[in-house]
PDB file of N, CA and C in Angstrom:
ATOM      1  N   MET A   1      -3.566  14.854   2.116  1.00  0.00           N
ATOM      2  CA  MET A   1      -3.525  15.325   0.748  1.00  0.00           C
ATOM      3  C   MET A   1      -2.093  15.218   0.228  1.00  0.00           C
ATOM      4  N   ILE A   2      -1.949  14.705  -0.947  1.00  0.00           N
ATOM      5  CA  ILE A   2      -0.625  14.544  -1.536  1.00  0.00           C
ATOM      6  C   ILE A   2      -0.276  15.813  -2.307  1.00  0.00           C
ATOM      7  N   THR A   3       0.749  16.489  -1.823  1.00  0.00           N
ATOM      8  CA  THR A   3       1.216  17.727  -2.446  1.00  0.00           C
ATOM      9  C   THR A   3       2.507  17.452  -3.210  1.00  0.00           C
ATOM     10  N   PRO A   4       2.908  18.359  -4.095  1.00  0.00           N
ATOM     11  CA  PRO A   4       4.184  18.161  -4.798  1.00  0.00           C
ATOM     12  C   PRO A   4       5.377  18.026  -3.848  1.00  0.00           C
ATOM     13  N   GLN A   5       5.345  18.745  -2.730  1.00  0.00           N
ATOM     14  CA  GLN A   5       6.432  18.639  -1.753  1.00  0.00           C
ATOM     15  C   GLN A   5       6.471  17.249  -1.120  1.00  0.00           C
ATOM     16  N   LEU A   6       5.297  16.703  -0.813  1.00  0.00           N
ATOM     17  CA  LEU A   6       5.229  15.356  -0.232  1.00  0.00           C
ATOM     18  C   LEU A   6       5.682  14.312  -1.239  1.00  0.00           C
ATOM     19  N   VAL A   7       5.306  14.476  -2.499  1.00  0.00           N
ATOM     20  CA  VAL A   7       5.755  13.552  -3.548  1.00  0.00           C
ATOM     21  C   VAL A   7       7.272  13.614  -3.667  1.00  0.00           C
ATOM     22  N   ALA A   8       7.847  14.811  -3.587  1.00  0.00           N
ATOM     23  CA  ALA A   8       9.302  14.951  -3.654  1.00  0.00           C
ATOM     24  C   ALA A   8       9.974  14.251  -2.476  1.00  0.00           C
ATOM     25  N   GLU A   9       9.388  14.364  -1.283  1.00  0.00           N
ATOM     26  CA  GLU A   9       9.941  13.674  -0.112  1.00  0.00           C
ATOM     27  C   GLU A   9       9.849  12.157  -0.268  1.00  0.00           C
ATOM     28  N   ILE A  10       8.728  11.686  -0.797  1.00  0.00           N
ATOM     29  CA  ILE A  10       8.560  10.247  -1.020  1.00  0.00           C
ATOM     30  C   ILE A  10       9.611   9.744  -1.989  1.00  0.00           C
ATOM     31  N   LEU A  11       9.796  10.461  -3.089  1.00  0.00           N
ATOM     32  CA  LEU A  11      10.785  10.043  -4.087  1.00  0.00           C
ATOM     33  C   LEU A  11      12.207  10.093  -3.531  1.00  0.00           C
ATOM     34  N   ALA A  12      12.495  11.121  -2.738  1.00  0.00           N
ATOM     35  CA  ALA A  12      13.837  11.236  -2.159  1.00  0.00           C
ATOM     36  C   ALA A  12      14.115  10.088  -1.188  1.00  0.00           C
ATOM     37  N   LEU A  13      13.167   9.805  -0.317  1.00  0.00           N
ATOM     38  CA  LEU A  13      13.368   8.708   0.633  1.00  0.00           C
ATOM     39  C   LEU A  13      13.417   7.360  -0.081  1.00  0.00           C
ATOM     40  N   ALA A  14      12.590   7.191  -1.111  1.00  0.00           N
ATOM     41  CA  ALA A  14      12.601   5.925  -1.857  1.00  0.00           C
ATOM     42  C   ALA A  14      13.941   5.720  -2.555  1.00  0.00           C
ATOM     43  N   SER A  15      14.549   6.814  -3.015  1.00  0.00           N
ATOM     44  CA  SER A  15      15.853   6.675  -3.670  1.00  0.00           C
ATOM     45  C   SER A  15      16.949   6.294  -2.683  1.00  0.00           C
ATOM     46  N   ILE A  16      16.704   6.487  -1.399  1.00  0.00           N
ATOM     47  CA  ILE A  16      17.647   6.054  -0.368  1.00  0.00           C
ATOM     48  C   ILE A  16      17.316   4.625   0.087  1.00  0.00           C
ATOM     49  N   VAL A  17      16.030   4.316   0.182  1.00  0.00           N
ATOM     50  CA  VAL A  17      15.587   3.002   0.659  1.00  0.00           C
ATOM     51  C   VAL A  17      16.012   1.890  -0.292  1.00  0.00           C
ATOM     52  N   VAL A  18      15.879   2.119  -1.588  1.00  0.00           N
ATOM     53  CA  VAL A  18      16.159   1.062  -2.566  1.00  0.00           C
ATOM     54  C   VAL A  18      17.589   0.524  -2.453  1.00  0.00           C
ATOM     55  N   PRO A  19      18.635   1.364  -2.499  1.00  0.00           N
ATOM     56  CA  PRO A  19      19.984   0.789  -2.405  1.00  0.00           C
ATOM     57  C   PRO A  19      20.298   0.160  -1.041  1.00  0.00           C
ATOM     58  N   ILE A  20      19.763   0.746   0.027  1.00  0.00           N
ATOM     59  CA  ILE A  20      19.995   0.162   1.353  1.00  0.00           C
ATOM     60  C   ILE A  20      19.343  -1.217   1.429  1.00  0.00           C
ATOM     61  N   THR A  21      18.108  -1.311   0.955  1.00  0.00           N
ATOM     62  CA  THR A  21      17.406  -2.593   0.964  1.00  0.00           C
ATOM     63  C   THR A  21      18.125  -3.622   0.103  1.00  0.00           C
ATOM     64  N   GLN A  22      18.569  -3.203  -1.077  1.00  0.00           N
ATOM     65  CA  GLN A  22      19.284  -4.133  -1.965  1.00  0.00           C
ATOM     66  C   GLN A  22      20.565  -4.641  -1.307  1.00  0.00           C
ATOM     67  N   ALA A  23      21.285  -3.749  -0.646  1.00  0.00           N
ATOM     68  CA  ALA A  23      22.523  -4.156   0.024  1.00  0.00           C
ATOM     69  C   ALA A  23      22.244  -5.141   1.157  1.00  0.00           C
ATOM     70  N   VAL A  24      21.224  -4.857   1.959  1.00  0.00           N
ATOM     71  CA  VAL A  24      20.889  -5.749   3.067  1.00  0.00           C
ATOM     72  C   VAL A  24      20.405  -7.098   2.545  1.00  0.00           C
ATOM     73  N   LYS A  25      19.573  -7.078   1.492  1.00  0.00           N
ATOM     74  CA  LYS A  25      19.079  -8.340   0.918  1.00  0.00           C
ATOM     75  C   LYS A  25      20.232  -9.184   0.381  1.00  0.00           C
ATOM     76  N   LYS A  26      21.189  -8.534  -0.246  1.00  0.00           N
ATOM     77  CA  LYS A  26      22.332  -9.272  -0.789  1.00  0.00           C
ATOM     78  C   LYS A  26      23.205  -9.801   0.345  1.00  0.00           C
ATOM     79  N   TRP A  27      23.381  -8.996   1.393  1.00  0.00           N
ATOM     80  CA  TRP A  27      24.221  -9.383   2.519  1.00  0.00           C
ATOM     81  C   TRP A  27      23.603 -10.551   3.288  1.00  0.00           C
ATOM     82  N   VAL A  28      22.275 -10.494   3.521  1.00  0.00           N
ATOM     83  CA  VAL A  28      21.595 -11.530   4.282  1.00  0.00           C
ATOM     84  C   VAL A  28      21.151 -12.687   3.381  1.00  0.00           C
ATOM     85  N   LYS A  29      21.129 -12.463   2.077  1.00  0.00           N
ATOM     86  CA  LYS A  29      20.729 -13.457   1.066  1.00  0.00           C
ATOM     87  C   LYS A  29      19.285 -13.901   1.271  1.00  0.00           C
ATOM     88  N   VAL A  30      18.356 -12.944   1.128  1.00  0.00           N
ATOM     89  CA  VAL A  30      16.930 -13.233   1.264  1.00  0.00           C
ATOM     90  C   VAL A  30      16.182 -12.769   0.023  1.00  0.00           C
ATOM     91  N   GLU A  31      15.002 -13.346  -0.165  1.00  0.00           N
ATOM     92  CA  GLU A  31      14.112 -12.968  -1.258  1.00  0.00           C
ATOM     93  C   GLU A  31      12.678 -13.105  -0.781  1.00  0.00           C
ATOM     94  N   GLY A  32      11.747 -12.650  -1.601  1.00  0.00           N
ATOM     95  CA  GLY A  32      10.324 -12.836  -1.325  1.00  0.00           C
ATOM     96  C   GLY A  32       9.815 -12.006  -0.170  1.00  0.00           C
ATOM     97  N   THR A  33       9.032 -12.644   0.684  1.00  0.00           N
ATOM     98  CA  THR A  33       8.374 -11.957   1.793  1.00  0.00           C
ATOM     99  C   THR A  33       9.383 -11.378   2.782  1.00  0.00           C
ATOM    100  N   THR A  34      10.448 -12.081   3.026  1.00  0.00           N
ATOM    101  CA  THR A  34      11.475 -11.578   3.944  1.00  0.00           C
ATOM    102  C   THR A  34      12.100 -10.302   3.402  1.00  0.00           C
ATOM    103  N   ALA A  35      12.291 -10.221   2.101  1.00  0.00           N
ATOM    104  CA  ALA A  35      12.830  -9.016   1.492  1.00  0.00           C
ATOM    105  C   ALA A  35      11.859  -7.848   1.642  1.00  0.00           C
ATOM    106  N   LEU A  36      10.575  -8.109   1.524  1.00  0.00           N
ATOM    107  CA  LEU A  36       9.578  -7.052   1.725  1.00  0.00           C
ATOM    108  C   LEU A  36       9.569  -6.565   3.170  1.00  0.00           C
ATOM    109  N   ILE A  37       9.764  -7.480   4.103  1.00  0.00           N
ATOM    110  CA  ILE A  37       9.820  -7.093   5.515  1.00  0.00           C
ATOM    111  C   ILE A  37      11.046  -6.224   5.774  1.00  0.00           C
ATOM    112  N   ILE A  38      12.175  -6.580   5.184  1.00  0.00           N
ATOM    113  CA  ILE A  38      13.390  -5.766   5.327  1.00  0.00           C
ATOM    114  C   ILE A  38      13.161  -4.381   4.742  1.00  0.00           C
ATOM    115  N   CYS A  39      12.523  -4.320   3.584  1.00  0.00           N
ATOM    116  CA  CYS A  39      12.219  -3.043   2.952  1.00  0.00           C
ATOM    117  C   CYS A  39      11.300  -2.209   3.841  1.00  0.00           C
ATOM    118  N   ALA A  40      10.313  -2.846   4.456  1.00  0.00           N
ATOM    119  CA  ALA A  40       9.392  -2.137   5.344  1.00  0.00           C
ATOM    120  C   ALA A  40      10.128  -1.572   6.560  1.00  0.00           C
ATOM    121  N   ILE A  41      11.047  -2.347   7.118  1.00  0.00           N
ATOM    122  CA  ILE A  41      11.808  -1.880   8.274  1.00  0.00           C
ATOM    123  C   ILE A  41      12.690  -0.695   7.913  1.00  0.00           C
ATOM    124  N   VAL A  42      13.387  -0.790   6.786  1.00  0.00           N
ATOM    125  CA  VAL A  42      14.239   0.315   6.337  1.00  0.00           C
ATOM    126  C   VAL A  42      13.386   1.551   6.062  1.00  0.00           C
ATOM    127  N   THR A  43      12.231   1.359   5.449  1.00  0.00           N
ATOM    128  CA  THR A  43      11.321   2.469   5.153  1.00  0.00           C
ATOM    129  C   THR A  43      10.852   3.147   6.430  1.00  0.00           C
ATOM    130  N   ILE A  44      10.444   2.355   7.409  1.00  0.00           N
ATOM    131  CA  ILE A  44       9.970   2.926   8.677  1.00  0.00           C
ATOM    132  C   ILE A  44      11.082   3.696   9.369  1.00  0.00           C
ATOM    133  N   LEU A  45      12.287   3.151   9.392  1.00  0.00           N
ATOM    134  CA  LEU A  45      13.402   3.840  10.056  1.00  0.00           C
ATOM    135  C   LEU A  45      13.741   5.159   9.379  1.00  0.00           C
ATOM    136  N   LEU A  46      13.783   5.177   8.054  1.00  0.00           N
ATOM    137  CA  LEU A  46      14.113   6.427   7.358  1.00  0.00           C
ATOM    138  C   LEU A  46      12.989   7.454   7.460  1.00  0.00           C
ATOM    139  N   ALA A  47      11.737   7.006   7.396  1.00  0.00           N
ATOM    140  CA  ALA A  47      10.620   7.942   7.562  1.00  0.00           C
ATOM    141  C   ALA A  47      10.601   8.496   8.987  1.00  0.00           C
ATOM    142  N   LEU A  48      10.905   7.660   9.954  1.00  0.00           N
ATOM    143  CA  LEU A  48      10.983   8.108  11.344  1.00  0.00           C
ATOM    144  C   LEU A  48      12.097   9.131  11.518  1.00  0.00           C
ATOM    145  N   TRP A  49      13.239   8.878  10.902  1.00  0.00           N
ATOM    146  CA  TRP A  49      14.345   9.834  10.938  1.00  0.00           C
ATOM    147  C   TRP A  49      13.929  11.162  10.327  1.00  0.00           C
ATOM    148  N   ARG A  50      13.191  11.116   9.228  1.00  0.00           N
ATOM    149  CA  ARG A  50      12.750  12.338   8.550  1.00  0.00           C
ATOM    150  C   ARG A  50      11.762  13.115   9.410  1.00  0.00           C
ATOM    151  N   ILE A  51      10.824  12.422  10.013  1.00  0.00           N
ATOM    152  CA  ILE A  51       9.790  13.089  10.814  1.00  0.00           C
ATOM    153  C   ILE A  51      10.376  13.632  12.116  1.00  0.00           C
ATOM    154  N   LEU A  52      11.276  12.879  12.747  1.00  0.00           N
ATOM    155  CA  LEU A  52      11.832  13.319  14.035  1.00  0.00           C
ATOM    156  C   LEU A  52      12.853  14.438  13.885  1.00  0.00           C
ATOM    157  N   SER A  53      13.260  14.742  12.652  1.00  0.00           N
ATOM    158  CA  SER A  53      14.236  15.814  12.451  1.00  0.00           C
ATOM    159  C   SER A  53      13.595  17.200  12.484  1.00  0.00           C
ATOM    160  N   VAL A  54      12.264  17.268  12.430  1.00  0.00           N
ATOM    161  CA  VAL A  54      11.560  18.553  12.415  1.00  0.00           C
ATOM    162  C   VAL A  54      10.463  18.526  13.479  1.00  0.00           C
ATOM    163  N   GLN A  55      10.447  19.576  14.308  1.00  0.00           N
ATOM    164  CA  GLN A  55       9.380  19.665  15.303  1.00  0.00           C
ATOM    165  C   GLN A  55       8.382  20.704  14.856  1.00  0.00           C
ATOM    166  N   PRO A  56       7.137  20.629  15.120  1.00  0.00           N
ATOM    167  CA  PRO A  56       6.436  19.564  15.833  1.00  0.00           C
ATOM    168  C   PRO A  56       6.317  18.325  14.956  1.00  0.00           C
ATOM    169  N   TYR A  57       6.247  17.180  15.593  1.00  0.00           N
ATOM    170  CA  TYR A  57       6.182  15.918  14.865  1.00  0.00           C
ATOM    171  C   TYR A  57       4.804  15.762  14.213  1.00  0.00           C
ATOM    172  N   ASP A  58       4.814  15.397  12.952  1.00  0.00           N
ATOM    173  CA  ASP A  58       3.577  15.218  12.188  1.00  0.00           C
ATOM    174  C   ASP A  58       3.408  13.728  11.907  1.00  0.00           C
ATOM    175  N   TRP A  59       2.663  13.042  12.780  1.00  0.00           N
ATOM    176  CA  TRP A  59       2.545  11.588  12.673  1.00  0.00           C
ATOM    177  C   TRP A  59       1.697  11.156  11.492  1.00  0.00           C
ATOM    178  N   SER A  60       0.754  11.991  11.056  1.00  0.00           N
ATOM    179  CA  SER A  60      -0.022  11.639   9.862  1.00  0.00           C
ATOM    180  C   SER A  60       0.884  11.659   8.627  1.00  0.00           C
ATOM    181  N   LYS A  61       1.810  12.601   8.593  1.00  0.00           N
ATOM    182  CA  LYS A  61       2.779  12.655   7.491  1.00  0.00           C
ATOM    183  C   LYS A  61       3.703  11.434   7.545  1.00  0.00           C
ATOM    184  N   PHE A  62       4.045  11.000   8.746  1.00  0.00           N
ATOM    185  CA  PHE A  62       4.869   9.808   8.912  1.00  0.00           C
ATOM    186  C   PHE A  62       4.193   8.592   8.277  1.00  0.00           C
ATOM    187  N   ILE A  63       2.915   8.418   8.550  1.00  0.00           N
ATOM    188  CA  ILE A  63       2.176   7.280   7.992  1.00  0.00           C
ATOM    189  C   ILE A  63       2.125   7.366   6.475  1.00  0.00           C
ATOM    190  N   ILE A  64       1.870   8.554   5.948  1.00  0.00           N
ATOM    191  CA  ILE A  64       1.828   8.740   4.493  1.00  0.00           C
ATOM    192  C   ILE A  64       3.197   8.464   3.883  1.00  0.00           C
ATOM    193  N   LEU A  65       4.256   8.938   4.536  1.00  0.00           N
ATOM    194  CA  LEU A  65       5.606   8.684   4.035  1.00  0.00           C
ATOM    195  C   LEU A  65       5.931   7.193   4.028  1.00  0.00           C
ATOM    196  N   VAL A  66       5.595   6.499   5.090  1.00  0.00           N
ATOM    197  CA  VAL A  66       5.886   5.065   5.165  1.00  0.00           C
ATOM    198  C   VAL A  66       5.172   4.322   4.043  1.00  0.00           C
ATOM    199  N   ILE A  67       3.885   4.580   3.889  1.00  0.00           N
ATOM    200  CA  ILE A  67       3.122   3.891   2.845  1.00  0.00           C
ATOM    201  C   ILE A  67       3.634   4.271   1.463  1.00  0.00           C
ATOM    202  N   GLY A  68       3.831   5.561   1.232  1.00  0.00           N
ATOM    203  CA  GLY A  68       4.283   6.030  -0.077  1.00  0.00           C
ATOM    204  C   GLY A  68       5.661   5.525  -0.453  1.00  0.00           C
ATOM    205  N   VAL A  69       6.595   5.602   0.482  1.00  0.00           N
ATOM    206  CA  VAL A  69       7.960   5.161   0.196  1.00  0.00           C
ATOM    207  C   VAL A  69       7.999   3.647  -0.007  1.00  0.00           C
ATOM    208  N   PHE A  70       7.248   2.905   0.790  1.00  0.00           N
ATOM    209  CA  PHE A  70       7.215   1.451   0.616  1.00  0.00           C
ATOM    210  C   PHE A  70       6.667   1.078  -0.755  1.00  0.00           C
ATOM    211  N   LEU A  71       5.575   1.711  -1.155  1.00  0.00           N
ATOM    212  CA  LEU A  71       4.992   1.423  -2.467  1.00  0.00           C
ATOM    213  C   LEU A  71       5.934   1.822  -3.597  1.00  0.00           C
ATOM    214  N   GLU A  72       6.545   2.985  -3.469  1.00  0.00           N
ATOM    215  CA  GLU A  72       7.455   3.468  -4.517  1.00  0.00           C
ATOM    216  C   GLU A  72       8.709   2.607  -4.600  1.00  0.00           C
ATOM    217  N   SER A  73       9.300   2.267  -3.482  1.00  0.00           N
ATOM    218  CA  SER A  73      10.564   1.522  -3.502  1.00  0.00           C
ATOM    219  C   SER A  73      10.389   0.084  -3.968  1.00  0.00           C
ATOM    220  N   ASN A  74       9.173  -0.447  -3.866  1.00  0.00           N
ATOM    221  CA  ASN A  74       8.913  -1.796  -4.352  1.00  0.00           C
ATOM    222  C   ASN A  74       8.302  -1.814  -5.748  1.00  0.00           C
ATOM    223  N   GLY A  75       8.120  -0.645  -6.328  1.00  0.00           N
ATOM    224  CA  GLY A  75       7.591  -0.567  -7.679  1.00  0.00           C
ATOM    225  C   GLY A  75       6.103  -0.858  -7.781  1.00  0.00           C
ATOM    226  N   ILE A  76       5.397  -0.780  -6.679  1.00  0.00           N
ATOM    227  CA  ILE A  76       3.956  -1.067  -6.689  1.00  0.00           C
ATOM    228  C   ILE A  76       3.193   0.140  -7.234  1.00  0.00           C
ATOM    229  N   TYR A  77       3.619   1.331  -6.857  1.00  0.00           N
ATOM    230  CA  TYR A  77       2.995   2.558  -7.337  1.00  0.00           C
ATOM    231  C   TYR A  77       4.098   3.587  -7.538  1.00  0.00           C
ATOM    232  N   HIS A  78       4.090   4.266  -8.660  1.00  0.00           N
ATOM    233  CA  HIS A  78       5.139   5.239  -8.955  1.00  0.00           C
ATOM    234  C   HIS A  78       4.591   6.658  -8.824  1.00  0.00           C
ATOM    235  N   PHE A  79       4.949   7.303  -7.729  1.00  0.00           N
ATOM    236  CA  PHE A  79       4.487   8.657  -7.478  1.00  0.00           C
ATOM    237  C   PHE A  79       5.103   9.646  -8.464  1.00  0.00           C
ATOM    238  N   GLY A  80       6.286   9.347  -8.929  1.00  0.00           N
ATOM    239  CA  GLY A  80       6.937  10.239  -9.888  1.00  0.00           C
ATOM    240  C   GLY A  80       6.156  10.335 -11.174  1.00  0.00           C
ATOM    241  N   SER A  81       5.682   9.220 -11.695  1.00  0.00           N
ATOM    242  CA  SER A  81       4.897   9.258 -12.924  1.00  0.00           C
ATOM    243  C   SER A  81       3.543   9.914 -12.682  1.00  0.00           C
ATOM    244  N   TYR A  82       2.988   9.759 -11.470  1.00  0.00           N
ATOM    245  CA  TYR A  82       1.736  10.428 -11.123  1.00  0.00           C
ATOM    246  C   TYR A  82       1.934  11.938 -11.132  1.00  0.00           C
ATOM    247  N   ALA A  83       3.020  12.394 -10.514  1.00  0.00           N
ATOM    248  CA  ALA A  83       3.278  13.820 -10.439  1.00  0.00           C
ATOM    249  C   ALA A  83       3.550  14.400 -11.817  1.00  0.00           C
ATOM    250  N   ILE A  84       4.322  13.705 -12.628  1.00  0.00           N
ATOM    251  CA  ILE A  84       4.636  14.192 -13.971  1.00  0.00           C
ATOM    252  C   ILE A  84       3.372  14.207 -14.819  1.00  0.00           C
ATOM    253  N   GLY A  85       2.574  13.148 -14.738  1.00  0.00           N
ATOM    254  CA  GLY A  85       1.326  13.099 -15.489  1.00  0.00           C
ATOM    255  C   GLY A  85       0.371  14.203 -15.099  1.00  0.00           C
ATOM    256  N   LYS A  86       0.320  14.508 -13.803  1.00  0.00           N
ATOM    257  CA  LYS A  86      -0.557  15.563 -13.316  1.00  0.00           C
ATOM    258  C   LYS A  86      -0.078  16.916 -13.832  1.00  0.00           C
ATOM    259  N   MET A  87       1.227  17.144 -13.834  1.00  0.00           N
ATOM    260  CA  MET A  87       1.765  18.406 -14.335  1.00  0.00           C
ATOM    261  C   MET A  87       1.502  18.560 -15.823  1.00  0.00           C
ATOM    262  N   VAL A  88       1.629  17.488 -16.568  1.00  0.00           N
ATOM    263  CA  VAL A  88       1.391  17.545 -18.001  1.00  0.00           C
ATOM    264  C   VAL A  88      -0.074  17.865 -18.272  1.00  0.00           C
ATOM    265  N   LYS A  89      -0.993  17.269 -17.521  1.00  0.00           N
ATOM    266  CA  LYS A  89      -2.413  17.543 -17.707  1.00  0.00           C
ATOM    267  C   LYS A  89      -2.738  18.989 -17.388  1.00  0.00           C
ATOM    268  N   GLU A  90      -2.116  19.551 -16.336  1.00  0.00           N
ATOM    269  CA  GLU A  90      -2.385  20.925 -15.959  1.00  0.00           C
ATOM    270  C   GLU A  90      -1.837  21.907 -16.989  1.00  0.00           C
ATOM    271  N   GLU A  91      -0.682  21.602 -17.575  1.00  0.00           N
ATOM    272  CA  GLU A  91      -0.073  22.495 -18.551  1.00  0.00           C
ATOM    273  C   GLU A  91      -0.820  22.482 -19.877  1.00  0.00           C
ATOM    274  N   GLY A  92      -1.318  21.281 -20.262  1.00  0.00           N
ATOM    275  CA  GLY A  92      -1.930  21.102 -21.582  1.00  0.00           C
ATOM    276  C   GLY A  92      -3.328  21.505 -21.665  1.00  0.00           C
TER     277      GLY A  92
END
């Protein structure tokens, strides 16, 4: 289940993944599928760091974080607009 706290974690990690991925892509000079693979690797490493920092380890949350951060950092799905839209609907 996607909670506001999980959306906040996804957005926070995505805001870290994007500049790291951009720097690596520029340094290695890659585009296309290779750039997506680099983004996936950076996403997995940061999500793993986040999950391993708190015990007990929640591997289902790890999978959700990896998928969510990858989608958000590549602009495929924007969790921030989903969360804001949901809040606006609840308030109105």
